[in-house]
Each structure stands twice: as C-alpha cells, then as structure tokens.
PDB file of all heavy atoms in Angstrom:
ATOM      1  N   HIS A   1      24.321  11.816 -54.885  1.00  0.00           N
ATOM      2  CA  HIS A   1      22.876  11.862 -54.808  1.00  0.00           C
ATOM      3  C   HIS A   1      22.412  13.311 -54.592  1.00  0.00           C
ATOM      4  O   HIS A   1      23.112  14.196 -53.999  1.00  0.00           O
ATOM      5  CB  HIS A   1      22.397  10.950 -53.672  1.00  0.00           C
ATOM      6  CG  HIS A   1      22.470   9.524 -53.935  1.00  0.00           C
ATOM      7  ND1 HIS A   1      22.118   8.566 -53.015  1.00  0.00           N
ATOM      8  CD2 HIS A   1      22.941   8.915 -55.028  1.00  0.00           C
ATOM      9  CE1 HIS A   1      22.293   7.333 -53.628  1.00  0.00           C
ATOM     10  NE2 HIS A   1      22.816   7.507 -54.804  1.00  0.00           N
ATOM     11  N   GLY A   2      21.228  13.520 -54.998  1.00  0.00           N
ATOM     12  CA  GLY A   2      20.523  14.865 -54.790  1.00  0.00           C
ATOM     13  C   GLY A   2      20.804  15.832 -55.826  1.00  0.00           C
ATOM     14  O   GLY A   2      21.221  15.634 -56.943  1.00  0.00           O
ATOM     15  N   THR A   3      20.521  17.154 -55.424  1.00  0.00           N
ATOM     16  CA  THR A   3      20.648  18.245 -56.380  1.00  0.00           C
ATOM     17  C   THR A   3      21.478  19.365 -55.840  1.00  0.00           C
ATOM     18  O   THR A   3      21.593  20.512 -56.374  1.00  0.00           O
ATOM     19  CB  THR A   3      19.257  18.851 -56.670  1.00  0.00           C
ATOM     20  OG1 THR A   3      18.670  19.315 -55.427  1.00  0.00           O
ATOM     21  CG2 THR A   3      18.334  17.816 -57.274  1.00  0.00           C
ATOM     22  N   GLY A   4      22.207  19.124 -54.716  1.00  0.00           N
ATOM     23  CA  GLY A   4      23.009  20.145 -54.105  1.00  0.00           C
ATOM     24  C   GLY A   4      24.331  20.468 -54.721  1.00  0.00           C
ATOM     25  O   GLY A   4      24.650  19.881 -55.802  1.00  0.00           O
ATOM     26  N   ASP A   5      25.058  21.338 -54.119  1.00  0.00           N
ATOM     27  CA  ASP A   5      26.389  21.745 -54.628  1.00  0.00           C
ATOM     28  C   ASP A   5      27.570  21.050 -53.895  1.00  0.00           C
ATOM     29  O   ASP A   5      28.720  21.439 -54.148  1.00  0.00           O
ATOM     30  CB  ASP A   5      26.607  23.256 -54.474  1.00  0.00           C
ATOM     31  CG  ASP A   5      25.600  24.064 -55.381  1.00  0.00           C
ATOM     32  OD1 ASP A   5      25.370  23.556 -56.498  1.00  0.00           O
ATOM     33  OD2 ASP A   5      25.090  25.100 -54.909  1.00  0.00           O
ATOM     34  N   GLU A   6      27.299  20.028 -53.210  1.00  0.00           N
ATOM     35  CA  GLU A   6      28.365  19.303 -52.522  1.00  0.00           C
ATOM     36  C   GLU A   6      29.235  18.591 -53.557  1.00  0.00           C
ATOM     37  O   GLU A   6      28.744  18.196 -54.707  1.00  0.00           O
ATOM     38  CB  GLU A   6      27.828  18.295 -51.518  1.00  0.00           C
ATOM     39  CG  GLU A   6      26.966  17.151 -52.070  1.00  0.00           C
ATOM     40  CD  GLU A   6      25.468  17.588 -52.141  1.00  0.00           C
ATOM     41  OE1 GLU A   6      25.184  18.725 -52.138  1.00  0.00           O
ATOM     42  OE2 GLU A   6      24.649  16.650 -52.382  1.00  0.00           O
ATOM     43  N   THR A   7      30.453  18.339 -53.269  1.00  0.00           N
ATOM     44  CA  THR A   7      31.325  17.651 -54.167  1.00  0.00           C
ATOM     45  C   THR A   7      32.209  16.721 -53.519  1.00  0.00           C
ATOM     46  O   THR A   7      32.270  16.608 -52.226  1.00  0.00           O
ATOM     47  CB  THR A   7      32.367  18.652 -54.907  1.00  0.00           C
ATOM     48  OG1 THR A   7      33.150  19.272 -53.896  1.00  0.00           O
ATOM     49  CG2 THR A   7      31.634  19.725 -55.660  1.00  0.00           C
ATOM     50  N   GLN A   8      32.825  15.784 -54.204  1.00  0.00           N
ATOM     51  CA  GLN A   8      33.761  14.789 -53.634  1.00  0.00           C
ATOM     52  C   GLN A   8      34.847  14.612 -54.574  1.00  0.00           C
ATOM     53  O   GLN A   8      34.647  14.297 -55.819  1.00  0.00           O
ATOM     54  CB  GLN A   8      33.034  13.468 -53.350  1.00  0.00           C
ATOM     55  CG  GLN A   8      33.979  12.395 -52.685  1.00  0.00           C
ATOM     56  CD  GLN A   8      33.202  11.186 -52.200  1.00  0.00           C
ATOM     57  OE1 GLN A   8      32.021  11.209 -51.979  1.00  0.00           O
ATOM     58  NE2 GLN A   8      33.971  10.077 -52.190  1.00  0.00           N
ATOM     59  N   ASP A   9      36.165  14.733 -54.150  1.00  0.00           N
ATOM     60  CA  ASP A   9      37.298  14.540 -54.966  1.00  0.00           C
ATOM     61  C   ASP A   9      37.645  13.098 -54.984  1.00  0.00           C
ATOM     62  O   ASP A   9      37.762  12.423 -53.995  1.00  0.00           O
ATOM     63  CB  ASP A   9      38.484  15.352 -54.493  1.00  0.00           C
ATOM     64  CG  ASP A   9      38.246  16.926 -54.704  1.00  0.00           C
ATOM     65  OD1 ASP A   9      37.511  17.315 -55.575  1.00  0.00           O
ATOM     66  OD2 ASP A   9      38.817  17.637 -53.789  1.00  0.00           O
ATOM     67  N   VAL A  10      37.895  12.538 -56.224  1.00  0.00           N
ATOM     68  CA  VAL A  10      38.242  11.153 -56.383  1.00  0.00           C
ATOM     69  C   VAL A  10      39.421  11.014 -57.327  1.00  0.00           C
ATOM     70  O   VAL A  10      39.748  12.014 -58.063  1.00  0.00           O
ATOM     71  CB  VAL A  10      37.018  10.371 -56.966  1.00  0.00           C
ATOM     72  CG1 VAL A  10      35.886  10.326 -55.979  1.00  0.00           C
ATOM     73  CG2 VAL A  10      36.647  10.775 -58.332  1.00  0.00           C
ATOM     74  N   ALA A  11      40.073   9.915 -57.305  1.00  0.00           N
ATOM     75  CA  ALA A  11      41.244   9.686 -58.193  1.00  0.00           C
ATOM     76  C   ALA A  11      40.997   8.392 -58.970  1.00  0.00           C
ATOM     77  O   ALA A  11      40.579   7.379 -58.416  1.00  0.00           O
ATOM     78  CB  ALA A  11      42.502   9.621 -57.482  1.00  0.00           C
ATOM     79  N   ASP A  12      41.298   8.391 -60.268  1.00  0.00           N
ATOM     80  CA  ASP A  12      41.285   7.201 -61.078  1.00  0.00           C
ATOM     81  C   ASP A  12      42.337   6.179 -60.581  1.00  0.00           C
ATOM     82  O   ASP A  12      43.522   6.498 -60.559  1.00  0.00           O
ATOM     83  CB  ASP A  12      41.478   7.492 -62.564  1.00  0.00           C
ATOM     84  CG  ASP A  12      41.275   6.325 -63.457  1.00  0.00           C
ATOM     85  OD1 ASP A  12      42.213   5.448 -63.530  1.00  0.00           O
ATOM     86  OD2 ASP A  12      40.301   6.285 -64.157  1.00  0.00           O
ATOM     87  N   GLN A  13      41.899   4.990 -60.197  1.00  0.00           N
ATOM     88  CA  GLN A  13      42.878   4.001 -59.718  1.00  0.00           C
ATOM     89  C   GLN A  13      43.974   3.602 -60.627  1.00  0.00           C
ATOM     90  O   GLN A  13      44.967   3.198 -60.271  1.00  0.00           O
ATOM     91  CB  GLN A  13      42.063   2.767 -59.215  1.00  0.00           C
ATOM     92  CG  GLN A  13      41.076   3.059 -58.087  1.00  0.00           C
ATOM     93  CD  GLN A  13      40.232   1.890 -57.700  1.00  0.00           C
ATOM     94  OE1 GLN A  13      40.227   0.852 -58.360  1.00  0.00           O
ATOM     95  NE2 GLN A  13      39.536   1.982 -56.566  1.00  0.00           N
ATOM     96  N   ALA A  14      43.682   3.583 -61.938  1.00  0.00           N
ATOM     97  CA  ALA A  14      44.653   3.204 -62.977  1.00  0.00           C
ATOM     98  C   ALA A  14      45.588   4.341 -63.314  1.00  0.00           C
ATOM     99  O   ALA A  14      46.763   4.109 -63.439  1.00  0.00           O
ATOM    100  CB  ALA A  14      43.885   2.710 -64.234  1.00  0.00           C
ATOM    101  N   THR A  15      45.060   5.563 -63.519  1.00  0.00           N
ATOM    102  CA  THR A  15      45.902   6.639 -63.981  1.00  0.00           C
ATOM    103  C   THR A  15      46.292   7.648 -62.907  1.00  0.00           C
ATOM    104  O   THR A  15      47.241   8.388 -63.085  1.00  0.00           O
ATOM    105  CB  THR A  15      45.157   7.321 -65.152  1.00  0.00           C
ATOM    106  OG1 THR A  15      43.936   8.022 -64.552  1.00  0.00           O
ATOM    107  CG2 THR A  15      44.766   6.437 -66.207  1.00  0.00           C
ATOM    108  N   GLY A  16      45.517   7.637 -61.802  1.00  0.00           N
ATOM    109  CA  GLY A  16      45.827   8.650 -60.745  1.00  0.00           C
ATOM    110  C   GLY A  16      45.209   9.997 -60.997  1.00  0.00           C
ATOM    111  O   GLY A  16      45.307  10.937 -60.243  1.00  0.00           O
ATOM    112  N   LYS A  17      44.551  10.163 -62.240  1.00  0.00           N
ATOM    113  CA  LYS A  17      43.935  11.412 -62.521  1.00  0.00           C
ATOM    114  C   LYS A  17      42.801  11.747 -61.536  1.00  0.00           C
ATOM    115  O   LYS A  17      42.005  10.869 -61.283  1.00  0.00           O
ATOM    116  CB  LYS A  17      43.334  11.315 -63.927  1.00  0.00           C
ATOM    117  CG  LYS A  17      42.714  12.630 -64.460  1.00  0.00           C
ATOM    118  CD  LYS A  17      42.203  12.470 -65.860  1.00  0.00           C
ATOM    119  CE  LYS A  17      41.516  13.781 -66.329  1.00  0.00           C
ATOM    120  NZ  LYS A  17      40.938  13.604 -67.731  1.00  0.00           N
ATOM    121  N   ARG A  18      42.830  12.991 -61.126  1.00  0.00           N
ATOM    122  CA  ARG A  18      41.868  13.380 -60.156  1.00  0.00           C
ATOM    123  C   ARG A  18      40.641  14.039 -60.748  1.00  0.00           C
ATOM    124  O   ARG A  18      40.731  14.680 -61.889  1.00  0.00           O
ATOM    125  CB  ARG A  18      42.515  14.339 -59.139  1.00  0.00           C
ATOM    126  CG  ARG A  18      43.684  13.669 -58.365  1.00  0.00           C
ATOM    127  CD  ARG A  18      44.058  14.533 -57.192  1.00  0.00           C
ATOM    128  NE  ARG A  18      43.027  14.475 -56.183  1.00  0.00           N
ATOM    129  CZ  ARG A  18      42.712  13.487 -55.306  1.00  0.00           C
ATOM    130  NH1 ARG A  18      43.490  12.451 -55.321  1.00  0.00           N
ATOM    131  NH2 ARG A  18      41.756  13.645 -54.403  1.00  0.00           N
ATOM    132  N   GLU A  19      39.491  13.865 -60.110  1.00  0.00           N
ATOM    133  CA  GLU A  19      38.179  14.467 -60.602  1.00  0.00           C
ATOM    134  C   GLU A  19      37.354  14.930 -59.432  1.00  0.00           C
ATOM    135  O   GLU A  19      37.344  14.274 -58.401  1.00  0.00           O
ATOM    136  CB  GLU A  19      37.494  13.467 -61.420  1.00  0.00           C
ATOM    137  CG  GLU A  19      36.145  13.919 -61.960  1.00  0.00           C
ATOM    138  CD  GLU A  19      35.322  12.813 -62.539  1.00  0.00           C
ATOM    139  OE1 GLU A  19      35.775  11.721 -62.741  1.00  0.00           O
ATOM    140  OE2 GLU A  19      34.130  13.063 -62.807  1.00  0.00           O
ATOM    141  N   THR A  20      36.714  16.078 -59.640  1.00  0.00           N
ATOM    142  CA  THR A  20      35.767  16.519 -58.630  1.00  0.00           C
ATOM    143  C   THR A  20      34.362  16.136 -59.099  1.00  0.00           C
ATOM    144  O   THR A  20      33.882  16.471 -60.194  1.00  0.00           O
ATOM    145  CB  THR A  20      35.849  18.061 -58.481  1.00  0.00           C
ATOM    146  OG1 THR A  20      37.134  18.448 -58.012  1.00  0.00           O
ATOM    147  CG2 THR A  20      34.734  18.519 -57.536  1.00  0.00           C
ATOM    148  N   VAL A  21      33.763  15.243 -58.312  1.00  0.00           N
ATOM    149  CA  VAL A  21      32.444  14.725 -58.630  1.00  0.00           C
ATOM    150  C   VAL A  21      31.378  15.613 -58.022  1.00  0.00           C
ATOM    151  O   VAL A  21      31.457  15.890 -56.854  1.00  0.00           O
ATOM    152  CB  VAL A  21      32.281  13.226 -58.252  1.00  0.00           C
ATOM    153  CG1 VAL A  21      30.886  12.627 -58.613  1.00  0.00           C
ATOM    154  CG2 VAL A  21      33.383  12.407 -58.861  1.00  0.00           C
ATOM    155  N   HIS A  22      30.322  15.830 -58.852  1.00  0.00           N
ATOM    156  CA  HIS A  22      29.250  16.738 -58.362  1.00  0.00           C
ATOM    157  C   HIS A  22      27.973  15.862 -58.250  1.00  0.00           C
ATOM    158  O   HIS A  22      28.008  14.665 -58.533  1.00  0.00           O
ATOM    159  CB  HIS A  22      28.990  17.864 -59.386  1.00  0.00           C
ATOM    160  CG  HIS A  22      30.106  18.764 -59.517  1.00  0.00           C
ATOM    161  ND1 HIS A  22      30.306  19.915 -58.813  1.00  0.00           N
ATOM    162  CD2 HIS A  22      31.183  18.656 -60.445  1.00  0.00           C
ATOM    163  CE1 HIS A  22      31.421  20.510 -59.231  1.00  0.00           C
ATOM    164  NE2 HIS A  22      31.983  19.831 -60.232  1.00  0.00           N
ATOM    165  N   SER A  23      26.888  16.528 -57.840  1.00  0.00           N
ATOM    166  CA  SER A  23      25.625  15.782 -57.628  1.00  0.00           C
ATOM    167  C   SER A  23      24.908  15.662 -58.974  1.00  0.00           C
ATOM    168  O   SER A  23      25.230  16.340 -60.043  1.00  0.00           O
ATOM    169  CB  SER A  23      24.694  16.569 -56.701  1.00  0.00           C
ATOM    170  OG  SER A  23      24.243  17.736 -57.349  1.00  0.00           O
ATOM    171  N   TYR A  24      24.009  14.649 -59.069  1.00  0.00           N
ATOM    172  CA  TYR A  24      23.244  14.467 -60.290  1.00  0.00           C
ATOM    173  C   TYR A  24      22.511  15.724 -60.647  1.00  0.00           C
ATOM    174  O   TYR A  24      22.577  16.114 -61.847  1.00  0.00           O
ATOM    175  CB  TYR A  24      22.183  13.356 -59.963  1.00  0.00           C
ATOM    176  CG  TYR A  24      21.075  13.253 -60.897  1.00  0.00           C
ATOM    177  CD1 TYR A  24      21.221  12.538 -62.117  1.00  0.00           C
ATOM    178  CD2 TYR A  24      19.787  13.828 -60.692  1.00  0.00           C
ATOM    179  CE1 TYR A  24      20.158  12.353 -63.031  1.00  0.00           C
ATOM    180  CE2 TYR A  24      18.773  13.710 -61.610  1.00  0.00           C
ATOM    181  CZ  TYR A  24      18.928  13.021 -62.742  1.00  0.00           C
ATOM    182  OH  TYR A  24      17.944  12.874 -63.636  1.00  0.00           O
ATOM    183  N   GLY A  25      21.943  16.405 -59.694  1.00  0.00           N
ATOM    184  CA  GLY A  25      21.250  17.658 -60.015  1.00  0.00           C
ATOM    185  C   GLY A  25      22.210  18.740 -60.539  1.00  0.00           C
ATOM    186  O   GLY A  25      21.858  19.551 -61.359  1.00  0.00           O
ATOM    187  N   TRP A  26      23.450  18.745 -60.069  1.00  0.00           N
ATOM    188  CA  TRP A  26      24.431  19.783 -60.577  1.00  0.00           C
ATOM    189  C   TRP A  26      24.718  19.504 -62.072  1.00  0.00           C
ATOM    190  O   TRP A  26      24.725  20.512 -62.783  1.00  0.00           O
ATOM    191  CB  TRP A  26      25.752  19.570 -59.795  1.00  0.00           C
ATOM    192  CG  TRP A  26      26.787  20.602 -60.151  1.00  0.00           C
ATOM    193  CD1 TRP A  26      26.991  21.848 -59.476  1.00  0.00           C
ATOM    194  CD2 TRP A  26      27.717  20.594 -61.179  1.00  0.00           C
ATOM    195  NE1 TRP A  26      27.996  22.546 -60.169  1.00  0.00           N
ATOM    196  CE2 TRP A  26      28.456  21.778 -61.175  1.00  0.00           C
ATOM    197  CE3 TRP A  26      27.984  19.653 -62.216  1.00  0.00           C
ATOM    198  CZ2 TRP A  26      29.529  22.080 -62.096  1.00  0.00           C
ATOM    199  CZ3 TRP A  26      29.037  19.944 -63.080  1.00  0.00           C
ATOM    200  CH2 TRP A  26      29.748  21.116 -63.100  1.00  0.00           C
ATOM    201  N   TYR A  27      24.890  18.266 -62.481  1.00  0.00           N
ATOM    202  CA  TYR A  27      25.137  18.026 -63.847  1.00  0.00           C
ATOM    203  C   TYR A  27      23.918  18.332 -64.793  1.00  0.00           C
ATOM    204  O   TYR A  27      24.081  18.996 -65.780  1.00  0.00           O
ATOM    205  CB  TYR A  27      25.523  16.517 -64.072  1.00  0.00           C
ATOM    206  CG  TYR A  27      26.908  16.190 -63.453  1.00  0.00           C
ATOM    207  CD1 TYR A  27      26.950  15.386 -62.362  1.00  0.00           C
ATOM    208  CD2 TYR A  27      28.094  16.621 -64.061  1.00  0.00           C
ATOM    209  CE1 TYR A  27      28.173  15.085 -61.789  1.00  0.00           C
ATOM    210  CE2 TYR A  27      29.285  16.314 -63.444  1.00  0.00           C
ATOM    211  CZ  TYR A  27      29.348  15.552 -62.358  1.00  0.00           C
ATOM    212  OH  TYR A  27      30.602  15.205 -61.739  1.00  0.00           O
ATOM    213  N   VAL A  28      22.746  17.930 -64.338  1.00  0.00           N
ATOM    214  CA  VAL A  28      21.585  18.279 -65.062  1.00  0.00           C
ATOM    215  C   VAL A  28      21.410  19.745 -65.173  1.00  0.00           C
ATOM    216  O   VAL A  28      21.048  20.364 -66.134  1.00  0.00           O
ATOM    217  CB  VAL A  28      20.357  17.558 -64.495  1.00  0.00           C
ATOM    218  CG1 VAL A  28      19.075  18.028 -65.245  1.00  0.00           C
ATOM    219  CG2 VAL A  28      20.500  16.048 -64.548  1.00  0.00           C
ATOM    220  N   ARG A  29      21.611  20.406 -64.041  1.00  0.00           N
ATOM    221  CA  ARG A  29      21.496  21.874 -63.933  1.00  0.00           C
ATOM    222  C   ARG A  29      22.524  22.612 -64.933  1.00  0.00           C
ATOM    223  O   ARG A  29      22.209  23.522 -65.593  1.00  0.00           O
ATOM    224  CB  ARG A  29      21.729  22.393 -62.538  1.00  0.00           C
ATOM    225  CG  ARG A  29      21.386  23.812 -62.288  1.00  0.00           C
ATOM    226  CD  ARG A  29      21.202  24.110 -60.822  1.00  0.00           C
ATOM    227  NE  ARG A  29      22.331  23.682 -59.909  1.00  0.00           N
ATOM    228  CZ  ARG A  29      22.275  22.694 -59.052  1.00  0.00           C
ATOM    229  NH1 ARG A  29      21.117  22.043 -58.903  1.00  0.00           N
ATOM    230  NH2 ARG A  29      23.323  22.439 -58.365  1.00  0.00           N
ATOM    231  N   ARG A  30      23.657  22.008 -65.059  1.00  0.00           N
ATOM    232  CA  ARG A  30      24.690  22.505 -65.950  1.00  0.00           C
ATOM    233  C   ARG A  30      24.165  22.386 -67.399  1.00  0.00           C
ATOM    234  O   ARG A  30      24.389  23.289 -68.191  1.00  0.00           O
ATOM    235  CB  ARG A  30      25.996  21.759 -65.762  1.00  0.00           C
ATOM    236  CG  ARG A  30      27.160  22.131 -66.730  1.00  0.00           C
ATOM    237  CD  ARG A  30      27.571  23.620 -66.574  1.00  0.00           C
ATOM    238  NE  ARG A  30      28.550  23.934 -67.499  1.00  0.00           N
ATOM    239  CZ  ARG A  30      29.906  23.903 -67.249  1.00  0.00           C
ATOM    240  NH1 ARG A  30      30.390  23.440 -66.092  1.00  0.00           N
ATOM    241  NH2 ARG A  30      30.786  24.205 -68.165  1.00  0.00           N
ATOM    242  N   PHE A  31      23.641  21.272 -67.755  1.00  0.00           N
ATOM    243  CA  PHE A  31      23.101  21.041 -69.136  1.00  0.00           C
ATOM    244  C   PHE A  31      22.036  22.090 -69.411  1.00  0.00           C
ATOM    245  O   PHE A  31      22.024  22.681 -70.482  1.00  0.00           O
ATOM    246  CB  PHE A  31      22.530  19.635 -69.218  1.00  0.00           C
ATOM    247  CG  PHE A  31      23.524  18.547 -68.965  1.00  0.00           C
ATOM    248  CD1 PHE A  31      23.040  17.247 -68.561  1.00  0.00           C
ATOM    249  CD2 PHE A  31      24.891  18.712 -69.154  1.00  0.00           C
ATOM    250  CE1 PHE A  31      23.965  16.225 -68.368  1.00  0.00           C
ATOM    251  CE2 PHE A  31      25.748  17.673 -68.926  1.00  0.00           C
ATOM    252  CZ  PHE A  31      25.271  16.444 -68.499  1.00  0.00           C
ATOM    253  N   VAL A  32      21.188  22.302 -68.411  1.00  0.00           N
ATOM    254  CA  VAL A  32      20.091  23.258 -68.620  1.00  0.00           C
ATOM    255  C   VAL A  32      20.610  24.707 -68.747  1.00  0.00           C
ATOM    256  O   VAL A  32      20.256  25.399 -69.734  1.00  0.00           O
ATOM    257  CB  VAL A  32      19.172  23.253 -67.423  1.00  0.00           C
ATOM    258  CG1 VAL A  32      18.186  24.418 -67.417  1.00  0.00           C
ATOM    259  CG2 VAL A  32      18.323  21.879 -67.399  1.00  0.00           C
ATOM    260  N   THR A  33      21.515  25.130 -67.901  1.00  0.00           N
ATOM    261  CA  THR A  33      22.028  26.486 -68.002  1.00  0.00           C
ATOM    262  C   THR A  33      22.841  26.718 -69.234  1.00  0.00           C
ATOM    263  O   THR A  33      22.746  27.790 -69.864  1.00  0.00           O
ATOM    264  CB  THR A  33      22.837  26.899 -66.705  1.00  0.00           C
ATOM    265  OG1 THR A  33      23.892  25.931 -66.518  1.00  0.00           O
ATOM    266  CG2 THR A  33      21.961  26.848 -65.482  1.00  0.00           C
ATOM    267  N   ASP A  34      23.627  25.752 -69.661  1.00  0.00           N
ATOM    268  CA  ASP A  34      24.390  25.805 -70.857  1.00  0.00           C
ATOM    269  C   ASP A  34      23.483  25.996 -72.081  1.00  0.00           C
ATOM    270  O   ASP A  34      23.714  26.827 -72.988  1.00  0.00           O
ATOM    271  CB  ASP A  34      25.297  24.672 -71.073  1.00  0.00           C
ATOM    272  CG  ASP A  34      26.568  24.685 -70.213  1.00  0.00           C
ATOM    273  OD1 ASP A  34      26.781  25.674 -69.517  1.00  0.00           O
ATOM    274  OD2 ASP A  34      27.245  23.576 -70.129  1.00  0.00           O
ATOM    275  N   ALA A  35      22.461  25.162 -72.123  1.00  0.00           N
ATOM    276  CA  ALA A  35      21.557  25.163 -73.270  1.00  0.00           C
ATOM    277  C   ALA A  35      20.793  26.547 -73.336  1.00  0.00           C
ATOM    278  O   ALA A  35      20.637  27.095 -74.450  1.00  0.00           O
ATOM    279  CB  ALA A  35      20.430  24.090 -73.234  1.00  0.00           C
ATOM    280  N   LYS A  36      20.393  27.018 -72.221  1.00  0.00           N
ATOM    281  CA  LYS A  36      19.678  28.301 -72.161  1.00  0.00           C
ATOM    282  C   LYS A  36      20.556  29.413 -72.640  1.00  0.00           C
ATOM    283  O   LYS A  36      20.148  30.330 -73.327  1.00  0.00           O
ATOM    284  CB  LYS A  36      19.082  28.579 -70.756  1.00  0.00           C
ATOM    285  CG  LYS A  36      17.925  27.657 -70.408  1.00  0.00           C
ATOM    286  CD  LYS A  36      17.634  27.707 -68.877  1.00  0.00           C
ATOM    287  CE  LYS A  36      17.021  29.083 -68.464  1.00  0.00           C
ATOM    288  NZ  LYS A  36      16.582  29.045 -67.066  1.00  0.00           N
ATOM    289  N   ALA A  37      21.846  29.346 -72.218  1.00  0.00           N
ATOM    290  CA  ALA A  37      22.745  30.401 -72.644  1.00  0.00           C
ATOM    291  C   ALA A  37      22.991  30.474 -74.204  1.00  0.00           C
ATOM    292  O   ALA A  37      23.350  31.472 -74.740  1.00  0.00           O
ATOM    293  CB  ALA A  37      24.070  30.145 -71.952  1.00  0.00           C
ATOM    294  N   LYS A  38      22.770  29.341 -74.792  1.00  0.00           N
ATOM    295  CA  LYS A  38      22.853  29.168 -76.361  1.00  0.00           C
ATOM    296  C   LYS A  38      21.558  29.671 -76.989  1.00  0.00           C
ATOM    297  O   LYS A  38      21.491  29.578 -78.197  1.00  0.00           O
ATOM    298  CB  LYS A  38      23.305  27.884 -76.749  1.00  0.00           C
ATOM    299  CG  LYS A  38      24.739  27.451 -76.301  1.00  0.00           C
ATOM    300  CD  LYS A  38      25.828  28.325 -77.005  1.00  0.00           C
ATOM    301  CE  LYS A  38      25.959  27.974 -78.478  1.00  0.00           C
ATOM    302  NZ  LYS A  38      26.783  26.850 -78.765  1.00  0.00           N
TER     303      LYS A  38
END
C-alpha cells in the first residue's frame, strides 16, 4: 500500500523464487520515470 519506498521480500510457494515487492506508488512511479526517459 501507499507510495513509499518500503519493500517486502517474498518467495513463490511453488518454485521458491524470491521477489522484492514494492509499493503501488513505486511501480507507477517507475512507469512514469521510464516513459519520461524515452
């Protein structure tokens, strides 16, 4: 939740693959900054 830079590490229960999950705002912000850079 939110727009901050906090993260949470999770693991896929089936494969064990790990992922760092970001906030909703972080992902939207990433889309914005990537698009502006192009």
